[in-house]
Protein backbone atom coordinates (compact mmCIF):
# COMPACT_ATOMS: atom_id res chain seq x y z
CA MET A 1 0.00 0.00 0.00
CA THR A 2 1.31 3.45 -0.92
CA LYS A 3 1.11 4.90 2.56
CA HIS A 4 4.10 7.22 2.75
CA ARG A 5 3.97 9.11 -0.53
CA GLN A 6 3.16 12.81 -0.74
CA LEU A 7 -0.36 13.90 -1.55
CA SER A 8 -1.00 15.06 -5.11
CA ALA A 9 -3.47 17.58 -6.52
CA ASP A 10 -3.44 15.66 -9.81
CA ARG A 11 -4.52 12.49 -8.01
CA ILE A 12 -7.22 14.43 -6.16
CA ALA A 13 -8.59 15.47 -9.54
CA GLU A 14 -8.39 11.85 -10.76
CA ALA A 15 -10.28 10.70 -7.64
CA MET A 16 -13.36 12.57 -8.90
CA GLY A 17 -13.73 9.81 -11.48
CA ARG A 18 -13.39 6.99 -8.94
CA ILE A 19 -15.81 8.07 -6.23
CA ASP A 20 -19.48 7.06 -6.30
CA PRO A 21 -21.28 10.14 -7.68
CA VAL A 22 -23.75 9.99 -4.77
CA PHE A 23 -21.00 11.54 -2.60
CA LEU A 24 -19.90 14.20 -5.09
CA HIS A 25 -21.10 17.77 -5.76
CA SER A 26 -22.49 18.25 -2.27
CA PRO A 27 -24.56 21.37 -1.53
CA VAL A 28 -22.87 24.73 -1.00
CA LEU A 29 -24.44 26.93 1.69
CA THR A 30 -23.72 30.59 2.37
CA SER A 31 -24.28 33.03 5.22
CA GLU A 32 -23.56 36.66 6.12
CA ALA A 33 -24.90 36.24 9.67
CA LEU A 34 -21.48 36.35 11.36
CA GLY A 35 -20.46 39.62 9.73
CA PHE A 36 -18.45 38.18 6.82
CA HIS A 37 -19.04 35.93 3.82
CA LEU A 38 -19.15 32.32 5.01
CA ILE A 39 -19.40 29.33 2.66
CA ALA A 40 -20.15 25.83 3.96
CA LYS A 41 -19.83 22.59 1.99
CA ASP A 42 -22.58 20.32 3.29
CA GLU A 43 -21.34 16.72 3.41
CA THR A 44 -24.35 15.44 5.39
CA ASP A 45 -26.69 15.02 2.40
CA ASN A 46 -25.75 11.51 1.21
CA PRO A 47 -26.51 7.88 2.17
CA ILE A 48 -24.02 7.81 5.07
CA ARG A 49 -24.50 11.45 6.14
CA SER A 50 -20.76 12.18 6.09
CA PHE A 51 -17.83 12.86 3.77
CA LYS A 52 -16.22 9.47 4.42
CA GLY A 53 -17.69 7.90 1.28
CA ARG A 54 -15.22 9.91 -0.79
CA GLY A 55 -11.92 8.66 0.63
CA THR A 56 -13.08 5.08 1.13
CA GLY A 57 -14.39 4.90 -2.43
CA ASN A 58 -11.13 6.24 -3.81
CA PHE A 59 -9.15 3.79 -1.67
CA LEU A 60 -11.08 0.74 -2.87
CA ALA A 61 -10.81 1.85 -6.50
CA ALA A 62 -7.04 2.01 -6.04
CA HIS A 63 -6.88 -1.38 -4.25
CA PRO A 64 -9.19 -3.71 -6.20
CA GLY A 65 -9.65 -7.39 -5.37
CA LYS A 66 -11.68 -9.56 -3.04
CA GLU A 67 -9.37 -9.61 -0.01
CA PRO A 68 -11.44 -9.11 3.18
CA LEU A 69 -10.98 -5.76 4.88
CA VAL A 70 -10.61 -4.76 8.52
CA THR A 71 -10.79 -1.27 9.96
CA ALA A 72 -11.46 0.67 13.15
CA SER A 73 -13.94 3.50 13.29
CA ALA A 74 -15.93 5.78 15.55
CA GLY A 75 -18.67 5.21 12.99
CA ASN A 76 -18.55 7.45 9.93
CA PHE A 77 -15.39 6.02 8.34
CA GLY A 78 -16.77 2.53 8.96
CA GLN A 79 -20.01 3.49 7.23
CA GLY A 80 -18.13 4.86 4.23
CA LEU A 81 -15.96 1.78 3.94
CA ALA A 82 -18.94 -0.54 4.46
CA TYR A 83 -20.96 1.24 1.74
CA ASN A 84 -18.12 1.04 -0.78
CA ALA A 85 -16.99 -2.47 0.22
CA ALA A 86 -20.52 -3.78 -0.36
CA ARG A 87 -20.52 -2.23 -3.85
CA SER A 88 -17.19 -3.96 -4.50
CA GLY A 89 -18.32 -7.32 -3.11
CA ARG A 90 -15.76 -7.29 -0.29
CA ALA A 91 -16.22 -8.48 3.28
CA LEU A 92 -15.52 -5.91 6.01
CA THR A 93 -15.02 -6.20 9.75
CA VAL A 94 -15.16 -2.95 11.70
CA PHE A 95 -13.81 -2.62 15.24
CA ALA A 96 -15.50 0.10 17.28
CA SER A 97 -15.40 1.15 20.91
CA VAL A 98 -17.96 -0.26 23.33
CA ASN A 99 -18.94 3.40 23.82
CA ALA A 100 -19.43 4.16 20.11
CA ASN A 101 -22.53 5.98 18.84
CA PRO A 102 -25.28 3.30 18.51
CA LEU A 103 -26.76 5.04 15.46
CA LYS A 104 -23.42 4.69 13.68
CA ILE A 105 -22.99 1.06 14.76
CA GLU A 106 -26.42 0.17 13.42
CA ALA A 107 -25.68 1.97 10.15
CA MET A 108 -22.37 0.15 9.65
CA ARG A 109 -24.18 -3.16 10.07
CA ARG A 110 -26.99 -2.05 7.77
CA PHE A 111 -24.44 -1.31 5.05
CA GLY A 112 -23.08 -4.85 5.39
CA ALA A 113 -20.16 -4.70 7.83
CA GLU A 114 -19.55 -7.07 10.71
CA VAL A 115 -19.05 -4.78 13.71
CA ARG A 116 -17.08 -5.88 16.76
CA LEU A 117 -17.13 -3.72 19.88
CA GLU A 118 -13.83 -3.75 21.76
CA GLY A 119 -12.04 -1.23 23.94
CA GLU A 120 -13.11 1.86 25.83
CA ASP A 121 -12.28 4.33 23.05
CA PHE A 122 -11.44 4.54 19.34
CA ASP A 123 -7.72 3.92 19.72
CA ALA A 124 -8.28 0.79 21.83
CA ALA A 125 -10.66 -0.48 19.14
CA LYS A 126 -8.02 0.28 16.51
CA GLN A 127 -5.44 -1.75 18.42
CA ALA A 128 -7.85 -4.71 18.53
CA GLY A 129 -8.65 -4.34 14.84
CA ARG A 130 -5.01 -4.26 13.83
CA ALA A 131 -4.32 -7.38 15.89
CA PHE A 132 -7.26 -9.17 14.24
CA ALA A 133 -6.06 -8.17 10.76
CA ASN A 134 -2.55 -9.41 11.48
CA ALA A 135 -3.86 -12.73 12.80
CA SER A 136 -6.32 -13.27 9.95
CA GLY A 137 -4.12 -11.97 7.14
CA HIS A 138 -6.82 -9.48 6.10
CA LEU A 139 -6.05 -5.96 4.85
CA PHE A 140 -6.18 -3.35 7.61
CA VAL A 141 -7.45 0.00 6.33
CA GLU A 142 -6.38 2.91 8.54
CA ASP A 143 -8.08 6.27 8.22
CA GLY A 144 -5.44 8.99 8.09
CA ALA A 145 -2.64 6.70 6.92
CA SER A 146 -3.62 6.16 3.29
CA ALA A 147 -2.87 8.75 0.62
CA GLU A 148 -5.87 7.56 -1.41
CA ILE A 149 -8.21 8.23 1.51
CA ALA A 150 -6.80 11.72 2.04
CA GLU A 151 -6.91 12.47 -1.69
CA GLY A 152 -10.52 11.30 -1.84
CA ALA A 153 -11.35 13.77 0.93
CA GLY A 154 -9.45 16.39 -1.03
CA THR A 155 -12.16 16.35 -3.69
CA ILE A 156 -14.26 18.44 -1.29
CA ALA A 157 -11.72 21.26 -1.68
CA LEU A 158 -11.74 20.89 -5.46
CA GLU A 159 -15.53 21.31 -5.55
CA LEU A 160 -15.47 24.06 -2.92
CA MET A 161 -13.01 26.22 -4.81
CA GLU A 162 -14.83 25.70 -8.12
CA ALA A 163 -18.04 26.91 -6.47
CA ALA A 164 -16.66 29.65 -4.23
CA GLY A 165 -13.84 31.19 -6.21
CA ARG A 166 -11.33 33.11 -4.10
CA LEU A 167 -11.11 32.09 -0.46
CA ASP A 168 -9.05 33.86 2.18
CA ARG A 169 -9.33 31.21 4.90
CA VAL A 170 -10.59 27.64 5.11
CA TYR A 171 -11.26 25.94 8.47
CA LEU A 172 -11.07 22.13 8.49
CA PRO A 173 -11.99 19.64 11.25
CA LEU A 174 -8.95 17.71 12.46
CA GLY A 175 -9.23 14.14 13.75
CA ASN A 176 -7.05 11.47 12.16
CA GLY A 177 -5.96 14.08 9.65
CA ALA A 178 -7.09 12.69 6.29
CA LEU A 179 -9.60 15.50 5.67
CA ALA A 180 -7.30 18.36 6.66
CA ALA A 181 -4.37 16.86 4.76
CA GLY A 182 -6.36 16.09 1.61
CA MET A 183 -8.28 19.35 1.41
CA GLY A 184 -5.18 21.28 2.43
CA ALA A 185 -3.15 19.60 -0.33
CA TRP A 186 -5.58 20.80 -3.00
CA ILE A 187 -5.85 24.32 -1.57
CA LYS A 188 -2.08 24.76 -1.23
CA ALA A 189 -1.54 23.53 -4.80
CA ARG A 190 -4.24 25.68 -6.38
CA SER A 191 -4.50 28.71 -4.07
CA PRO A 192 -1.33 28.97 -1.96
CA GLU A 193 -2.38 32.37 -0.63
CA THR A 194 -5.42 30.82 1.11
CA ARG A 195 -4.77 30.25 4.80
CA VAL A 196 -5.70 26.72 5.94
CA ILE A 197 -6.67 26.34 9.62
CA ALA A 198 -7.21 22.89 11.12
CA VAL A 199 -9.58 22.72 14.09
CA ALA A 200 -9.23 20.05 16.78
CA ALA A 201 -11.21 19.43 19.94
CA LYS A 202 -9.59 20.82 23.09
CA GLY A 203 -10.41 17.49 24.77
CA ALA A 204 -8.58 15.54 22.03
CA PRO A 205 -5.48 17.60 21.25
CA CYS A 206 -3.00 14.95 20.09
CA MET A 207 -2.89 16.09 16.45
CA ALA A 208 -2.51 19.73 17.51
CA LEU A 209 0.34 18.77 19.83
CA SER A 210 1.88 16.64 17.10
CA HIS A 211 1.73 19.45 14.55
CA GLN A 212 3.32 21.85 17.01
CA ALA A 213 6.09 19.37 17.87
CA GLY A 214 6.66 18.16 14.31
CA HIS A 215 6.31 14.51 15.31
CA PRO A 216 3.58 12.26 16.78
CA VAL A 217 2.57 13.14 20.35
CA SER A 218 0.04 10.88 22.07
CA THR A 219 -2.28 11.78 24.92
CA ARG A 220 -3.43 9.48 27.71
CA SER A 221 -7.14 10.08 27.19
CA VAL A 222 -9.75 12.06 25.30
CA ASN A 223 -12.70 14.00 26.68
CA THR A 224 -15.01 15.56 24.10
CA ILE A 225 -18.50 15.14 22.69
CA ALA A 226 -16.92 15.13 19.21
CA ASP A 227 -16.46 11.36 18.86
CA GLY A 228 -15.39 11.64 15.22
CA VAL A 229 -12.22 13.55 16.15
CA ALA A 230 -11.65 11.94 19.57
CA VAL A 231 -8.16 10.61 18.83
CA ARG A 232 -5.37 10.10 21.36
CA GLU A 233 -2.83 8.27 19.14
CA PRO A 234 -1.83 10.39 16.11
CA VAL A 235 -1.34 8.79 12.69
CA PRO A 236 2.31 9.42 11.72
CA GLU A 237 1.60 9.73 7.98
CA ALA A 238 -0.98 12.44 8.61
CA VAL A 239 1.36 14.32 10.95
CA GLU A 240 3.89 14.47 8.09
CA TRP A 241 1.33 15.56 5.47
CA LEU A 242 -0.01 18.34 7.70
CA LYS A 243 3.42 19.99 7.78
CA GLU A 244 2.84 20.95 4.13
CA THR A 245 -0.93 21.31 3.94
CA ILE A 246 -2.09 23.48 6.89
CA ASP A 247 -0.93 26.78 8.35
CA ALA A 248 -2.15 26.48 11.94
CA VAL A 249 -4.25 24.45 14.37
CA VAL A 250 -6.82 25.94 16.72
CA LEU A 251 -8.55 24.15 19.58
CA VAL A 252 -12.26 24.46 20.36
CA ASP A 253 -14.08 23.27 23.47
CA ASP A 254 -17.38 21.41 23.59
CA ASP A 255 -19.42 24.56 24.27
CA GLU A 256 -17.94 26.20 21.16
CA ILE A 257 -18.77 23.07 19.15
CA LEU A 258 -22.35 23.08 20.45
CA ALA A 259 -22.71 26.74 19.49
CA ALA A 260 -21.58 25.88 15.96
CA MET A 261 -24.03 22.98 15.74
CA ARG A 262 -26.88 25.28 16.79
CA PHE A 263 -25.79 27.92 14.28
CA ALA A 264 -25.90 25.34 11.47
CA ARG A 265 -29.37 24.29 12.57
CA ASP A 266 -30.70 27.84 12.86
CA GLU A 267 -29.00 29.29 9.76
CA TRP A 268 -29.24 26.37 7.33
CA THR A 269 -31.66 23.87 9.01
CA ARG A 270 -28.82 21.34 9.01
CA ILE A 271 -28.27 18.87 11.83
CA VAL A 272 -24.47 18.51 12.12
CA GLU A 273 -22.73 16.20 14.58
CA PRO A 274 -20.03 17.61 16.88
CA ALA A 275 -16.97 16.50 14.88
CA GLY A 276 -18.64 17.66 11.69
CA ALA A 277 -19.12 21.14 13.15
CA ALA A 278 -15.56 21.55 14.44
CA GLY A 279 -14.45 23.64 11.48
CA LEU A 280 -17.45 25.93 11.90
CA ALA A 281 -16.64 26.21 15.61
CA GLY A 282 -13.17 27.41 14.64
CA VAL A 283 -14.69 30.01 12.31
CA MET A 284 -16.97 31.29 15.06
CA LYS A 285 -14.11 31.37 17.58
CA ASP A 286 -12.11 33.60 15.21
CA LYS A 287 -15.01 35.73 13.96
CA ALA A 288 -13.66 38.96 15.47
CA SER A 289 -10.71 38.79 13.06
CA LEU A 290 -12.69 37.77 9.97
CA GLU A 291 -14.44 41.01 8.97
CA GLY A 292 -14.21 41.40 5.20
CA VAL A 293 -12.73 37.94 4.80
CA ARG A 294 -14.08 35.15 2.53
CA VAL A 295 -14.19 32.05 4.73
CA ALA A 296 -15.19 28.43 4.07
CA THR A 297 -15.60 25.22 6.03
CA PRO A 298 -17.07 21.76 5.42
CA LEU A 299 -19.95 20.40 7.49
CA CYS A 300 -18.53 16.90 7.67
CA GLY A 301 -21.13 14.66 9.27
CA GLY A 302 -24.67 14.59 10.54
CA ASN A 303 -25.11 11.34 12.47
CA VAL A 304 -26.84 12.33 15.70
CA THR A 305 -29.00 10.02 17.81
CA ALA A 306 -32.44 11.12 19.01
CA ALA A 307 -31.13 11.25 22.58
CA GLN A 308 -28.18 13.42 21.51
CA ALA A 309 -30.47 15.74 19.58
CA ARG A 310 -32.66 16.23 22.65
CA GLU A 311 -29.63 17.00 24.80
CA TRP A 312 -27.75 19.26 22.37
CA PHE A 313 -30.54 21.09 20.58
């Protein structure tokens, strides 16, 4: 697997032809409510309600065959891989935390994956999944480590810049790093003057710490409502890519994430999950410095349980 190569804008463009069209050309939303021109790319309006169908589809197109797959996921990556694996006729086993979102677990199973619940958090589930893949000889697919996955996510930036034209700043949620690296790679290649800001949860700062240090820095635990970016073990490949694809990392707390989720609901009638609203939370945190600036962010996922919706909204 080509895990260590640099990301390529040309391959991001090629990925547009490999990804199931149901995930492409997502809606573009705009707002002036914060005092500047804000553009949001809505990745919640597809069968898995997240952007993860792009990278997983591109990955499977680049790695054809019938070899069974294994992955670990908080839910959205597993859904994307399950959707695309089923279309390719490939078996998939997903390892998820015993505390994973039940809506996402049910969806992964509905799309055809076998889901095994192990470990107290995502990284513990990943450790179990990697061990299972090694023992079974199946292919382990790691979000954040594959160039094809990052380049698939980069197609969001390609579409965004075609629709929006000039952008001064783009704010990108930061979890395992595939989205920020892939979108950042396209933006830096095509609009190097655009400032790319990655946004991590304050309760899951390992990628922010890693970017600051220039090498992977783990944390002992995570504590955030944003399960999709709740990572404590950074992916080394993504840490390397981010050196070239983002300009800064900002941290947002859960209250700031909730405020962004409520803004998306009130402004665009979109239900966005916490991790999916992290970029928007970064925008709102920086709004005092954004007057007259053209700003964009993706709304990356919308998988919220009924109980969560009652609590958060």
